Amino acid sequence: MDLILSTATAGELTVVSVTGEIDMYTAPQLRGYLTELLAEGVTRLAIDVNGVDFCDSTGLGVFIGTLRRLREVGGSLIIVCAREQMLKIFQLTGLQKVFDIRPQLPTDG
């Protein structure tokens, strides 16, 4: 399955919506997309994974790398996730303690 990426803004947040599967084949596309946004100066980022059907360790690595780069510049990352399947992946890996995971975008931007 292909990966579909789109960007919008919500207040001060840049929101990247991801649809499809994040695996070793599509993770480089996601990494490049996010790296480009950070290079453009984005520091407050939300990644909406509610459209993600599957995510392997390569995809999780992209999220971790993005969080690390944002923290280096005083930025922040929110993972928007209400899907039980994706939440389970974060819980099983212990990453729910690392990421700011919310069921929906914050209303304060």
C-alpha atoms as a PDB file:
ATOM      1  CA  MET A   1       0.000   0.000   0.000  1.00  0.00           C
ATOM      2  CA  ASP A   2       1.212   3.474  -0.839  1.00  0.00           C
ATOM      3  CA  LEU A   3       1.841   6.152   1.728  1.00  0.00           C
ATOM      4  CA  ILE A   4      -0.204   9.334   1.401  1.00  0.00           C
ATOM      5  CA  LEU A   5       1.082  12.443   3.170  1.00  0.00           C
ATOM      6  CA  SER A   6      -0.582  15.813   3.504  1.00  0.00           C
ATOM      7  CA  THR A   7       0.173  18.928   5.508  1.00  0.00           C
ATOM      8  CA  ALA A   8      -2.112  21.498   7.097  1.00  0.00           C
ATOM      9  CA  THR A   9      -1.852  24.032   9.886  1.00  0.00           C
ATOM     10  CA  ALA A  10      -3.816  24.232  13.123  1.00  0.00           C
ATOM     11  CA  GLY A  11      -2.887  27.367  14.998  1.00  0.00           C
ATOM     12  CA  GLU A  12       0.879  27.224  15.492  1.00  0.00           C
ATOM     13  CA  LEU A  13       1.031  23.491  14.727  1.00  0.00           C
ATOM     14  CA  THR A  14       2.020  21.998  11.421  1.00  0.00           C
ATOM     15  CA  VAL A  15      -0.074  18.854  11.020  1.00  0.00           C
ATOM     16  CA  VAL A  16       1.096  15.981   8.852  1.00  0.00           C
ATOM     17  CA  SER A  17      -1.625  13.438   8.129  1.00  0.00           C
ATOM     18  CA  VAL A  18      -0.341  10.000   7.212  1.00  0.00           C
ATOM     19  CA  THR A  19      -2.441   7.384   5.425  1.00  0.00           C
ATOM     20  CA  GLY A  20      -1.364   3.880   4.467  1.00  0.00           C
ATOM     21  CA  GLU A  21       1.391   1.632   5.754  1.00  0.00           C
ATOM     22  CA  ILE A  22       4.691   2.750   7.252  1.00  0.00           C
ATOM     23  CA  ASP A  23       7.291   0.064   6.686  1.00  0.00           C
ATOM     24  CA  MET A  24      10.814  -0.336   5.391  1.00  0.00           C
ATOM     25  CA  TYR A  25       9.635   0.591   1.898  1.00  0.00           C
ATOM     26  CA  THR A  26       7.639   3.720   2.744  1.00  0.00           C
ATOM     27  CA  ALA A  27       9.523   4.980   5.829  1.00  0.00           C
ATOM     28  CA  PRO A  28      12.189   6.749   3.710  1.00  0.00           C
ATOM     29  CA  GLN A  29       9.416   8.741   2.010  1.00  0.00           C
ATOM     30  CA  LEU A  30       8.005   9.774   5.405  1.00  0.00           C
ATOM     31  CA  ARG A  31      11.479  10.579   6.773  1.00  0.00           C
ATOM     32  CA  GLY A  32      12.263  12.764   3.768  1.00  0.00           C
ATOM     33  CA  TYR A  33       8.950  14.575   4.032  1.00  0.00           C
ATOM     34  CA  LEU A  34       9.405  15.315   7.739  1.00  0.00           C
ATOM     35  CA  THR A  35      13.066  16.271   7.303  1.00  0.00           C
ATOM     36  CA  GLU A  36      12.069  18.777   4.640  1.00  0.00           C
ATOM     37  CA  LEU A  37       9.481  20.352   6.944  1.00  0.00           C
ATOM     38  CA  LEU A  38      12.037  20.680   9.743  1.00  0.00           C
ATOM     39  CA  ALA A  39      14.538  22.206   7.300  1.00  0.00           C
ATOM     40  CA  GLU A  40      11.875  24.797   6.442  1.00  0.00           C
ATOM     41  CA  GLY A  41      11.796  25.806  10.115  1.00  0.00           C
ATOM     42  CA  VAL A  42       8.842  23.833  11.462  1.00  0.00           C
ATOM     43  CA  THR A  43       9.292  23.339  15.219  1.00  0.00           C
ATOM     44  CA  ARG A  44       5.761  22.532  16.407  1.00  0.00           C
ATOM     45  CA  LEU A  45       4.661  19.376  14.651  1.00  0.00           C
ATOM     46  CA  ALA A  46       1.730  16.999  14.960  1.00  0.00           C
ATOM     47  CA  ILE A  47       1.690  13.713  13.077  1.00  0.00           C
ATOM     48  CA  ASP A  48      -1.806  12.289  12.637  1.00  0.00           C
ATOM     49  CA  VAL A  49      -1.518   8.509  12.285  1.00  0.00           C
ATOM     50  CA  ASN A  50      -5.229   7.728  12.432  1.00  0.00           C
ATOM     51  CA  GLY A  51      -5.072   6.732   8.753  1.00  0.00           C
ATOM     52  CA  VAL A  52      -2.147   4.340   9.258  1.00  0.00           C
ATOM     53  CA  ASP A  53      -3.023   0.666   8.811  1.00  0.00           C
ATOM     54  CA  PHE A  54       0.403  -0.723   9.716  1.00  0.00           C
ATOM     55  CA  CYS A  55       3.634   0.583  11.220  1.00  0.00           C
ATOM     56  CA  ASP A  56       6.811  -1.419  11.723  1.00  0.00           C
ATOM     57  CA  SER A  57       9.988  -0.594  13.638  1.00  0.00           C
ATOM     58  CA  THR A  58      11.327   1.409  10.694  1.00  0.00           C
ATOM     59  CA  GLY A  59       8.365   3.750  10.950  1.00  0.00           C
ATOM     60  CA  LEU A  60       8.749   4.054  14.700  1.00  0.00           C
ATOM     61  CA  GLY A  61      12.387   4.962  14.083  1.00  0.00           C
ATOM     62  CA  VAL A  62      11.272   7.830  11.846  1.00  0.00           C
ATOM     63  CA  PHE A  63       9.067   9.169  14.650  1.00  0.00           C
ATOM     64  CA  ILE A  64      11.889   8.855  17.199  1.00  0.00           C
ATOM     65  CA  GLY A  65      14.380  10.601  14.905  1.00  0.00           C
ATOM     66  CA  THR A  66      11.926  13.408  14.232  1.00  0.00           C
ATOM     67  CA  LEU A  67      11.283  13.876  17.958  1.00  0.00           C
ATOM     68  CA  ARG A  68      15.035  13.992  18.620  1.00  0.00           C
ATOM     69  CA  ARG A  69      15.622  16.649  15.941  1.00  0.00           C
ATOM     70  CA  LEU A  70      12.716  18.744  17.208  1.00  0.00           C
ATOM     71  CA  ARG A  71      13.949  18.587  20.796  1.00  0.00           C
ATOM     72  CA  GLU A  72      17.387  19.769  19.655  1.00  0.00           C
ATOM     73  CA  VAL A  73      15.820  23.043  18.503  1.00  0.00           C
ATOM     74  CA  GLY A  74      13.366  23.401  21.388  1.00  0.00           C
ATOM     75  CA  GLY A  75      10.462  22.092  19.331  1.00  0.00           C
ATOM     76  CA  SER A  76       7.681  19.665  20.096  1.00  0.00           C
ATOM     77  CA  LEU A  77       5.964  16.669  18.551  1.00  0.00           C
ATOM     78  CA  ILE A  78       2.443  15.398  19.116  1.00  0.00           C
ATOM     79  CA  ILE A  79       1.314  12.037  17.770  1.00  0.00           C
ATOM     80  CA  VAL A  80      -2.423  12.158  17.050  1.00  0.00           C
ATOM     81  CA  CYS A  81      -3.758   8.644  17.437  1.00  0.00           C
ATOM     82  CA  ALA A  82      -7.121   7.259  18.472  1.00  0.00           C
ATOM     83  CA  ARG A  83      -6.882   3.918  16.631  1.00  0.00           C
ATOM     84  CA  GLU A  84      -6.521   0.993  18.995  1.00  0.00           C
ATOM     85  CA  GLN A  85      -4.234  -0.879  16.594  1.00  0.00           C
ATOM     86  CA  MET A  86      -1.692   1.965  16.500  1.00  0.00           C
ATOM     87  CA  LEU A  87      -1.998   2.705  20.225  1.00  0.00           C
ATOM     88  CA  LYS A  88      -1.164  -0.927  20.921  1.00  0.00           C
ATOM     89  CA  ILE A  89       2.081  -0.600  18.936  1.00  0.00           C
ATOM     90  CA  PHE A  90       3.126   2.401  21.025  1.00  0.00           C
ATOM     91  CA  GLN A  91       2.201   0.585  24.251  1.00  0.00           C
ATOM     92  CA  LEU A  92       3.963  -2.679  23.359  1.00  0.00           C
ATOM     93  CA  THR A  93       7.168  -0.817  22.531  1.00  0.00           C
ATOM     94  CA  GLY A  94       6.985   1.480  25.567  1.00  0.00           C
ATOM     95  CA  LEU A  95       6.895   4.506  23.281  1.00  0.00           C
ATOM     96  CA  GLN A  96       3.686   5.834  24.837  1.00  0.00           C
ATOM     97  CA  LYS A  97       6.049   7.093  27.581  1.00  0.00           C
ATOM     98  CA  VAL A  98       8.273   8.847  25.036  1.00  0.00           C
ATOM     99  CA  PHE A  99       5.713  10.524  22.795  1.00  0.00           C
ATOM    100  CA  ASP A 100       2.964  13.008  23.554  1.00  0.00           C
ATOM    101  CA  ILE A 101       0.108  10.883  22.161  1.00  0.00           C
ATOM    102  CA  ARG A 102      -3.340  12.449  21.983  1.00  0.00           C
ATOM    103  CA  PRO A 103      -6.620  11.190  20.530  1.00  0.00           C
ATOM    104  CA  GLN A 104      -7.170  14.471  18.677  1.00  0.00           C
ATOM    105  CA  LEU A 105      -5.416  17.712  17.879  1.00  0.00           C
ATOM    106  CA  PRO A 106      -5.212  20.163  20.766  1.00  0.00           C
ATOM    107  CA  THR A 107      -7.709  22.984  20.386  1.00  0.00           C
ATOM    108  CA  ASP A 108      -5.188  25.597  21.495  1.00  0.00           C
ATOM    109  CA  GLY A 109      -2.947  24.887  18.481  1.00  0.00           C
END
